[in-house]
Amino acid sequence: MNRKIQILCLGGLGLLLSGCIASERDMGTLKLQLKELNDTISIMQANQAELASKMDELNQNLSVSNENLSQLDGQIVTLSSKLDDINASVRSNQSAEASAPALLPSEIFNEAKNHLNKQAYDMAESGFKLYIDKYPEGENIEQAYIYLGDTYATQNEYKPAAVAYATVLQKFPKSKNIPTARLKYARSIVPLGKKEEAKRYLQSIVQEFGRTPEARLAKEELTKLK
C-alpha cells in the first residue's frame, strides 16, 4: 500500500515539475514577444513622429508656394494692365498720325528755311534732312542741300557743310546753283586746312562764271587767301 502511495506521489510531483517548467518557457516566450512588440511600437511611433514633421514641412512649403503664386498673379495683373496702356497709347498715336494732314514738300522746305532764318538750326537741319530723305527728286532738292550746308557752316561745323555743298556739285553738275555751291564749298574747306583746293574752286568760278555775283565774291576770297 505504501509503495503505491509513493509511486503516486512521485508521479504527481513529476507532473507538477513538468507543469512549472512549461510555464517558465511560456513566460519567457511571452516576454520576448512583448519586447518585440514594444520595439515595433517604438519604431512605429518614431516613424509617425518623422511623418508628422514632414507633413508640417510640406504644409509650410505649400503655404509659401501659395503666397508666391498670389504675388505672381498680382504681377501678371499689373503687367497686363501696363500692356493694355501701351496698346492704347500706340493705337491713339496711330489714330492721331492717320488723322493728321500730311505736309506738302514745299511746306517742309519752307518751314525748314524759316527755322534757318530764325537761327533755329536744329529744327532747320531736321527739316532739310527730312525733305532730302523724302523727296530726293523734289524741285527744291538742290537748294535743300545748300541750305543744309549753311545750317552746318553757321555753327562752324565745316566738314558736314562741305559734304552738303559737294553733293550739289556731284549730283547736279549742270545746275544753275553750281557757282553758289562752289563758292560755299571753297569757304567751308579753308578751315579744314584745304587752302589750295579752295583757291582752285574760287578761280574756276571767276573763269567760268565771270559775270555772276559769285565771281565777284570769289575774287574777294582769293584776295584774302594770298
C-alpha atoms as a PDB file:
ATOM      1  CA  MET A   1       0.000   0.000   0.000  1.00  0.00           C
ATOM      2  CA  ASN A   2       2.759   2.427   0.957  1.00  0.00           C
ATOM      3  CA  ARG A   3       4.571   1.536  -2.251  1.00  0.00           C
ATOM      4  CA  LYS A   4       1.602   2.571  -4.323  1.00  0.00           C
ATOM      5  CA  ILE A   5       1.292   5.795  -2.442  1.00  0.00           C
ATOM      6  CA  GLN A   6       4.974   6.572  -3.029  1.00  0.00           C
ATOM      7  CA  ILE A   7       4.562   5.895  -6.712  1.00  0.00           C
ATOM      8  CA  LEU A   8       1.520   8.105  -6.910  1.00  0.00           C
ATOM      9  CA  CYS A   9       3.283  10.862  -5.031  1.00  0.00           C
ATOM     10  CA  LEU A  10       6.324  10.687  -7.316  1.00  0.00           C
ATOM     11  CA  GLY A  11       4.075  10.782 -10.373  1.00  0.00           C
ATOM     12  CA  GLY A  12       2.210  13.809  -9.087  1.00  0.00           C
ATOM     13  CA  LEU A  13       5.454  15.570  -8.280  1.00  0.00           C
ATOM     14  CA  GLY A  14       6.720  14.903 -11.800  1.00  0.00           C
ATOM     15  CA  LEU A  15       3.574  16.312 -13.327  1.00  0.00           C
ATOM     16  CA  LEU A  16       3.868  19.364 -11.105  1.00  0.00           C
ATOM     17  CA  LEU A  17       7.504  19.915 -12.034  1.00  0.00           C
ATOM     18  CA  SER A  18       6.831  19.458 -15.723  1.00  0.00           C
ATOM     19  CA  GLY A  19       3.965  21.957 -15.457  1.00  0.00           C
ATOM     20  CA  CYS A  20       6.280  24.506 -13.798  1.00  0.00           C
ATOM     21  CA  ILE A  21       8.956  24.037 -16.451  1.00  0.00           C
ATOM     22  CA  ALA A  22       6.376  24.523 -19.211  1.00  0.00           C
ATOM     23  CA  SER A  23       5.078  27.688 -17.555  1.00  0.00           C
ATOM     24  CA  GLU A  24       8.573  29.219 -17.312  1.00  0.00           C
ATOM     25  CA  ARG A  25       9.167  28.558 -21.004  1.00  0.00           C
ATOM     26  CA  ASP A  26       5.828  30.113 -21.910  1.00  0.00           C
ATOM     27  CA  MET A  27       6.621  33.161 -19.799  1.00  0.00           C
ATOM     28  CA  GLY A  28       9.997  33.562 -21.458  1.00  0.00           C
ATOM     29  CA  THR A  29       8.408  33.343 -24.886  1.00  0.00           C
ATOM     30  CA  LEU A  30       5.734  35.818 -23.902  1.00  0.00           C
ATOM     31  CA  LYS A  31       8.322  38.265 -22.555  1.00  0.00           C
ATOM     32  CA  LEU A  32      10.287  38.013 -25.793  1.00  0.00           C
ATOM     33  CA  GLN A  33       7.157  38.638 -27.835  1.00  0.00           C
ATOM     34  CA  LEU A  34       6.261  41.595 -25.629  1.00  0.00           C
ATOM     35  CA  LYS A  35       9.745  43.047 -26.096  1.00  0.00           C
ATOM     36  CA  GLU A  36       9.493  42.665 -29.881  1.00  0.00           C
ATOM     37  CA  LEU A  37       6.048  44.250 -29.783  1.00  0.00           C
ATOM     38  CA  ASN A  38       7.361  47.175 -27.731  1.00  0.00           C
ATOM     39  CA  ASP A  39      10.275  47.611 -30.144  1.00  0.00           C
ATOM     40  CA  THR A  40       7.855  47.581 -33.071  1.00  0.00           C
ATOM     41  CA  ILE A  41       5.618  50.129 -31.364  1.00  0.00           C
ATOM     42  CA  SER A  42       8.654  52.346 -30.643  1.00  0.00           C
ATOM     43  CA  ILE A  43       9.705  52.182 -34.304  1.00  0.00           C
ATOM     44  CA  MET A  44       6.159  52.954 -35.421  1.00  0.00           C
ATOM     45  CA  GLN A  45       5.988  55.904 -33.045  1.00  0.00           C
ATOM     46  CA  ALA A  46       9.336  57.241 -34.330  1.00  0.00           C
ATOM     47  CA  ASN A  47       8.165  56.839 -37.925  1.00  0.00           C
ATOM     48  CA  GLN A  48       4.902  58.567 -37.063  1.00  0.00           C
ATOM     49  CA  ALA A  49       6.770  61.496 -35.498  1.00  0.00           C
ATOM     50  CA  GLU A  50       9.010  61.803 -38.577  1.00  0.00           C
ATOM     51  CA  LEU A  51       5.966  61.637 -40.848  1.00  0.00           C
ATOM     52  CA  ALA A  52       4.248  64.342 -38.810  1.00  0.00           C
ATOM     53  CA  SER A  53       7.364  66.533 -39.116  1.00  0.00           C
ATOM     54  CA  LYS A  54       7.454  66.034 -42.885  1.00  0.00           C
ATOM     55  CA  MET A  55       3.762  66.841 -43.119  1.00  0.00           C
ATOM     56  CA  ASP A  56       4.360  70.106 -41.234  1.00  0.00           C
ATOM     57  CA  GLU A  57       7.247  70.973 -43.567  1.00  0.00           C
ATOM     58  CA  LEU A  58       5.106  70.133 -46.595  1.00  0.00           C
ATOM     59  CA  ASN A  59       2.300  72.333 -45.290  1.00  0.00           C
ATOM     60  CA  GLN A  60       4.755  75.202 -44.804  1.00  0.00           C
ATOM     61  CA  ASN A  61       6.100  74.751 -48.336  1.00  0.00           C
ATOM     62  CA  LEU A  62       2.572  74.728 -49.702  1.00  0.00           C
ATOM     63  CA  SER A  63       1.812  77.905 -47.783  1.00  0.00           C
ATOM     64  CA  VAL A  64       4.909  79.620 -49.223  1.00  0.00           C
ATOM     65  CA  SER A  65       4.048  78.377 -52.710  1.00  0.00           C
ATOM     66  CA  ASN A  66       0.519  79.716 -52.406  1.00  0.00           C
ATOM     67  CA  GLU A  67       1.886  83.086 -51.296  1.00  0.00           C
ATOM     68  CA  ASN A  68       4.323  83.155 -54.221  1.00  0.00           C
ATOM     69  CA  LEU A  69       1.514  82.252 -56.606  1.00  0.00           C
ATOM     70  CA  SER A  70      -0.566  85.088 -55.217  1.00  0.00           C
ATOM     71  CA  GLN A  71       2.308  87.525 -55.757  1.00  0.00           C
ATOM     72  CA  LEU A  72       2.841  86.183 -59.274  1.00  0.00           C
ATOM     73  CA  ASP A  73      -0.844  86.622 -60.029  1.00  0.00           C
ATOM     74  CA  GLY A  74      -0.591  90.229 -58.845  1.00  0.00           C
ATOM     75  CA  GLN A  75       2.456  90.851 -61.036  1.00  0.00           C
ATOM     76  CA  ILE A  76       0.702  89.322 -64.037  1.00  0.00           C
ATOM     77  CA  VAL A  77      -2.318  91.551 -63.470  1.00  0.00           C
ATOM     78  CA  THR A  78      -0.053  94.621 -63.219  1.00  0.00           C
ATOM     79  CA  LEU A  79       1.862  93.640 -66.361  1.00  0.00           C
ATOM     80  CA  SER A  80      -1.354  93.040 -68.261  1.00  0.00           C
ATOM     81  CA  SER A  81      -2.583  96.468 -67.209  1.00  0.00           C
ATOM     82  CA  LYS A  82       0.640  98.090 -68.415  1.00  0.00           C
ATOM     83  CA  LEU A  83       0.419  96.249 -71.738  1.00  0.00           C
ATOM     84  CA  ASP A  84      -3.141  97.461 -72.145  1.00  0.00           C
ATOM     85  CA  ASP A  85      -1.985 101.025 -71.502  1.00  0.00           C
ATOM     86  CA  ILE A  86       0.837 100.682 -74.048  1.00  0.00           C
ATOM     87  CA  ASN A  87      -1.502  99.233 -76.667  1.00  0.00           C
ATOM     88  CA  ALA A  88      -3.991 102.012 -76.042  1.00  0.00           C
ATOM     89  CA  SER A  89      -1.229 104.609 -76.395  1.00  0.00           C
ATOM     90  CA  VAL A  90       0.025 103.053 -79.633  1.00  0.00           C
ATOM     91  CA  ARG A  91      -3.499 102.953 -81.068  1.00  0.00           C
ATOM     92  CA  SER A  92      -4.016 106.567 -80.030  1.00  0.00           C
ATOM     93  CA  ASN A  93      -0.777 107.665 -81.705  1.00  0.00           C
ATOM     94  CA  GLN A  94      -1.591 105.721 -84.849  1.00  0.00           C
ATOM     95  CA  SER A  95      -5.027 107.280 -84.944  1.00  0.00           C
ATOM     96  CA  ALA A  96      -3.540 110.749 -84.471  1.00  0.00           C
ATOM     97  CA  GLU A  97      -0.977 110.154 -87.223  1.00  0.00           C
ATOM     98  CA  ALA A  98      -3.662 108.842 -89.554  1.00  0.00           C
ATOM     99  CA  SER A  99      -5.883 111.840 -88.947  1.00  0.00           C
ATOM    100  CA  ALA A 100      -3.081 114.443 -89.142  1.00  0.00           C
ATOM    101  CA  PRO A 101      -2.782 116.029 -92.582  1.00  0.00           C
ATOM    102  CA  ALA A 102       0.460 115.251 -94.408  1.00  0.00           C
ATOM    103  CA  LEU A 103       2.690 118.242 -95.110  1.00  0.00           C
ATOM    104  CA  LEU A 104       3.427 119.076 -98.717  1.00  0.00           C
ATOM    105  CA  PRO A 105       7.080 119.000 -99.854  1.00  0.00           C
ATOM    106  CA  SER A 106       7.079 122.767-100.311  1.00  0.00           C
ATOM    107  CA  GLU A 107       5.702 123.215 -96.789  1.00  0.00           C
ATOM    108  CA  ILE A 108       8.501 121.100 -95.301  1.00  0.00           C
ATOM    109  CA  PHE A 109      11.117 123.037 -97.264  1.00  0.00           C
ATOM    110  CA  ASN A 110       9.694 126.470 -96.392  1.00  0.00           C
ATOM    111  CA  GLU A 111       9.318 125.554 -92.735  1.00  0.00           C
ATOM    112  CA  ALA A 112      12.964 124.451 -92.579  1.00  0.00           C
ATOM    113  CA  LYS A 113      14.055 127.659 -94.304  1.00  0.00           C
ATOM    114  CA  ASN A 114      12.085 129.727 -91.796  1.00  0.00           C
ATOM    115  CA  HIS A 115      13.867 127.928 -88.963  1.00  0.00           C
ATOM    116  CA  LEU A 116      17.207 128.709 -90.611  1.00  0.00           C
ATOM    117  CA  ASN A 117      16.301 132.393 -90.903  1.00  0.00           C
ATOM    118  CA  LYS A 118      15.333 132.398 -87.217  1.00  0.00           C
ATOM    119  CA  GLN A 119      18.635 130.718 -86.331  1.00  0.00           C
ATOM    120  CA  ALA A 120      16.792 127.665 -85.030  1.00  0.00           C
ATOM    121  CA  TYR A 121      19.492 125.486 -86.511  1.00  0.00           C
ATOM    122  CA  ASP A 122      18.480 122.131 -85.049  1.00  0.00           C
ATOM    123  CA  MET A 123      14.950 122.476 -86.419  1.00  0.00           C
ATOM    124  CA  ALA A 124      16.291 123.703 -89.741  1.00  0.00           C
ATOM    125  CA  GLU A 125      18.694 120.765 -90.014  1.00  0.00           C
ATOM    126  CA  SER A 126      15.920 118.279 -89.250  1.00  0.00           C
ATOM    127  CA  GLY A 127      13.613 119.902 -91.808  1.00  0.00           C
ATOM    128  CA  PHE A 128      16.108 119.923 -94.668  1.00  0.00           C
ATOM    129  CA  LYS A 129      17.166 116.341 -93.924  1.00  0.00           C
ATOM    130  CA  LEU A 130      13.511 115.292 -93.932  1.00  0.00           C
ATOM    131  CA  TYR A 131      12.946 116.960 -97.289  1.00  0.00           C
ATOM    132  CA  ILE A 132      16.088 115.393 -98.792  1.00  0.00           C
ATOM    133  CA  ASP A 133      15.156 111.955 -97.472  1.00  0.00           C
ATOM    134  CA  LYS A 134      11.517 112.006 -98.586  1.00  0.00           C
ATOM    135  CA  TYR A 135      11.816 113.999-101.807  1.00  0.00           C
ATOM    136  CA  PRO A 136      15.208 113.312-103.450  1.00  0.00           C
ATOM    137  CA  GLU A 137      13.708 114.372-106.776  1.00  0.00           C
ATOM    138  CA  GLY A 138      11.863 117.394-105.365  1.00  0.00           C
ATOM    139  CA  GLU A 139      12.017 120.747-107.103  1.00  0.00           C
ATOM    140  CA  ASN A 140      13.884 122.296-104.159  1.00  0.00           C
ATOM    141  CA  ILE A 141      16.337 119.448-103.655  1.00  0.00           C
ATOM    142  CA  GLU A 142      19.441 121.400-104.753  1.00  0.00           C
ATOM    143  CA  GLN A 143      18.567 124.357-102.574  1.00  0.00           C
ATOM    144  CA  ALA A 144      17.832 121.986 -99.672  1.00  0.00           C
ATOM    145  CA  TYR A 145      21.419 120.676 -99.819  1.00  0.00           C
ATOM    146  CA  ILE A 146      22.820 124.209 -99.964  1.00  0.00           C
ATOM    147  CA  TYR A 147      20.705 125.395 -97.042  1.00  0.00           C
ATOM    148  CA  LEU A 148      21.637 122.266 -95.080  1.00  0.00           C
ATOM    149  CA  GLY A 149      25.280 123.187 -95.680  1.00  0.00           C
ATOM    150  CA  ASP A 150      24.539 126.743 -94.493  1.00  0.00           C
ATOM    151  CA  THR A 151      22.991 125.325 -91.329  1.00  0.00           C
ATOM    152  CA  TYR A 152      26.232 123.483 -90.554  1.00  0.00           C
ATOM    153  CA  ALA A 153      28.586 126.263 -91.654  1.00  0.00           C
ATOM    154  CA  THR A 154      26.812 128.835 -89.476  1.00  0.00           C
ATOM    155  CA  GLN A 155      27.597 126.605 -86.478  1.00  0.00           C
ATOM    156  CA  ASN A 156      31.227 126.151 -87.591  1.00  0.00           C
ATOM    157  CA  GLU A 157      30.578 122.520 -88.487  1.00  0.00           C
ATOM    158  CA  TYR A 158      32.610 122.787 -91.665  1.00  0.00           C
ATOM    159  CA  LYS A 159      33.050 119.140 -92.592  1.00  0.00           C
ATOM    160  CA  PRO A 160      29.323 118.254 -92.877  1.00  0.00           C
ATOM    161  CA  ALA A 161      28.809 121.651 -94.537  1.00  0.00           C
ATOM    162  CA  ALA A 162      31.416 120.802 -97.181  1.00  0.00           C
ATOM    163  CA  VAL A 163      29.765 117.410 -97.749  1.00  0.00           C
ATOM    164  CA  ALA A 164      26.382 119.074 -98.336  1.00  0.00           C
ATOM    165  CA  TYR A 165      27.813 121.564-100.856  1.00  0.00           C
ATOM    166  CA  ALA A 166      29.886 118.870-102.588  1.00  0.00           C
ATOM    167  CA  THR A 167      26.715 116.795-103.047  1.00  0.00           C
ATOM    168  CA  VAL A 168      25.263 119.541-105.220  1.00  0.00           C
ATOM    169  CA  LEU A 169      28.461 119.673-107.304  1.00  0.00           C
ATOM    170  CA  GLN A 170      28.437 115.897-107.790  1.00  0.00           C
ATOM    171  CA  LYS A 171      24.740 115.213-108.310  1.00  0.00           C
ATOM    172  CA  PHE A 172      23.786 118.330-110.268  1.00  0.00           C
ATOM    173  CA  PRO A 173      26.840 119.373-112.318  1.00  0.00           C
ATOM    174  CA  LYS A 174      24.715 121.404-114.766  1.00  0.00           C
ATOM    175  CA  SER A 175      22.661 123.182-112.135  1.00  0.00           C
ATOM    176  CA  LYS A 176      22.314 126.954-112.059  1.00  0.00           C
ATOM    177  CA  ASN A 177      23.376 126.677-108.419  1.00  0.00           C
ATOM    178  CA  ILE A 178      26.884 125.458-109.289  1.00  0.00           C
ATOM    179  CA  PRO A 179      28.577 128.888-108.770  1.00  0.00           C
ATOM    180  CA  THR A 180      26.974 129.208-105.318  1.00  0.00           C
ATOM    181  CA  ALA A 181      27.833 125.616-104.376  1.00  0.00           C
ATOM    182  CA  ARG A 182      31.477 126.058-105.469  1.00  0.00           C
ATOM    183  CA  LEU A 183      31.847 129.317-103.539  1.00  0.00           C
ATOM    184  CA  LYS A 184      30.380 127.885-100.345  1.00  0.00           C
ATOM    185  CA  TYR A 185      32.320 124.652-100.712  1.00  0.00           C
ATOM    186  CA  ALA A 186      35.589 126.606-101.062  1.00  0.00           C
ATOM    187  CA  ARG A 187      34.778 128.653 -97.959  1.00  0.00           C
ATOM    188  CA  SER A 188      33.953 125.538 -95.919  1.00  0.00           C
ATOM    189  CA  ILE A 189      37.187 123.678 -96.697  1.00  0.00           C
ATOM    190  CA  VAL A 190      39.548 126.536 -95.819  1.00  0.00           C
ATOM    191  CA  PRO A 191      39.095 125.921 -92.043  1.00  0.00           C
ATOM    192  CA  LEU A 192      39.739 122.239 -92.767  1.00  0.00           C
ATOM    193  CA  GLY A 193      43.264 123.044 -93.994  1.00  0.00           C
ATOM    194  CA  LYS A 194      42.480 122.734 -97.721  1.00  0.00           C
ATOM    195  CA  LYS A 195      43.511 126.218 -98.755  1.00  0.00           C
ATOM    196  CA  GLU A 196      44.973 125.296-102.157  1.00  0.00           C
ATOM    197  CA  GLU A 197      41.907 123.286-103.159  1.00  0.00           C
ATOM    198  CA  ALA A 198      39.738 126.210-102.097  1.00  0.00           C
ATOM    199  CA  LYS A 199      41.756 128.538-104.356  1.00  0.00           C
ATOM    200  CA  ARG A 200      41.200 126.252-107.349  1.00  0.00           C
ATOM    201  CA  TYR A 201      37.445 126.256-106.834  1.00  0.00           C
ATOM    202  CA  LEU A 202      37.370 130.040-106.422  1.00  0.00           C
ATOM    203  CA  GLN A 203      39.426 130.530-109.586  1.00  0.00           C
ATOM    204  CA  SER A 204      37.099 128.218-111.518  1.00  0.00           C
ATOM    205  CA  ILE A 205      34.161 130.442-110.549  1.00  0.00           C
ATOM    206  CA  VAL A 206      35.958 133.533-111.849  1.00  0.00           C
ATOM    207  CA  GLN A 207      36.898 131.776-115.085  1.00  0.00           C
ATOM    208  CA  GLU A 208      33.612 130.006-115.854  1.00  0.00           C
ATOM    209  CA  PHE A 209      31.060 132.333-114.289  1.00  0.00           C
ATOM    210  CA  GLY A 210      32.808 135.689-114.548  1.00  0.00           C
ATOM    211  CA  ARG A 211      29.635 137.773-114.800  1.00  0.00           C
ATOM    212  CA  THR A 212      27.919 136.369-111.727  1.00  0.00           C
ATOM    213  CA  PRO A 213      27.828 137.807-108.204  1.00  0.00           C
ATOM    214  CA  GLU A 214      29.576 134.635-107.079  1.00  0.00           C
ATOM    215  CA  ALA A 215      32.578 135.506-109.290  1.00  0.00           C
ATOM    216  CA  ARG A 216      32.957 138.885-107.533  1.00  0.00           C
ATOM    217  CA  LEU A 217      32.783 137.195-104.137  1.00  0.00           C
ATOM    218  CA  ALA A 218      35.269 134.559-105.300  1.00  0.00           C
ATOM    219  CA  LYS A 219      37.784 137.299-106.186  1.00  0.00           C
ATOM    220  CA  GLU A 220      37.409 138.751-102.700  1.00  0.00           C
ATOM    221  CA  GLU A 221      38.024 135.335-101.164  1.00  0.00           C
ATOM    222  CA  LEU A 222      41.109 134.814-103.327  1.00  0.00           C
ATOM    223  CA  THR A 223      42.479 138.161-102.119  1.00  0.00           C
ATOM    224  CA  LYS A 224      42.085 137.024 -98.525  1.00  0.00           C
ATOM    225  CA  LEU A 225      43.865 133.736 -99.239  1.00  0.00           C
ATOM    226  CA  LYS A 226      47.021 135.285-100.749  1.00  0.00           C
END
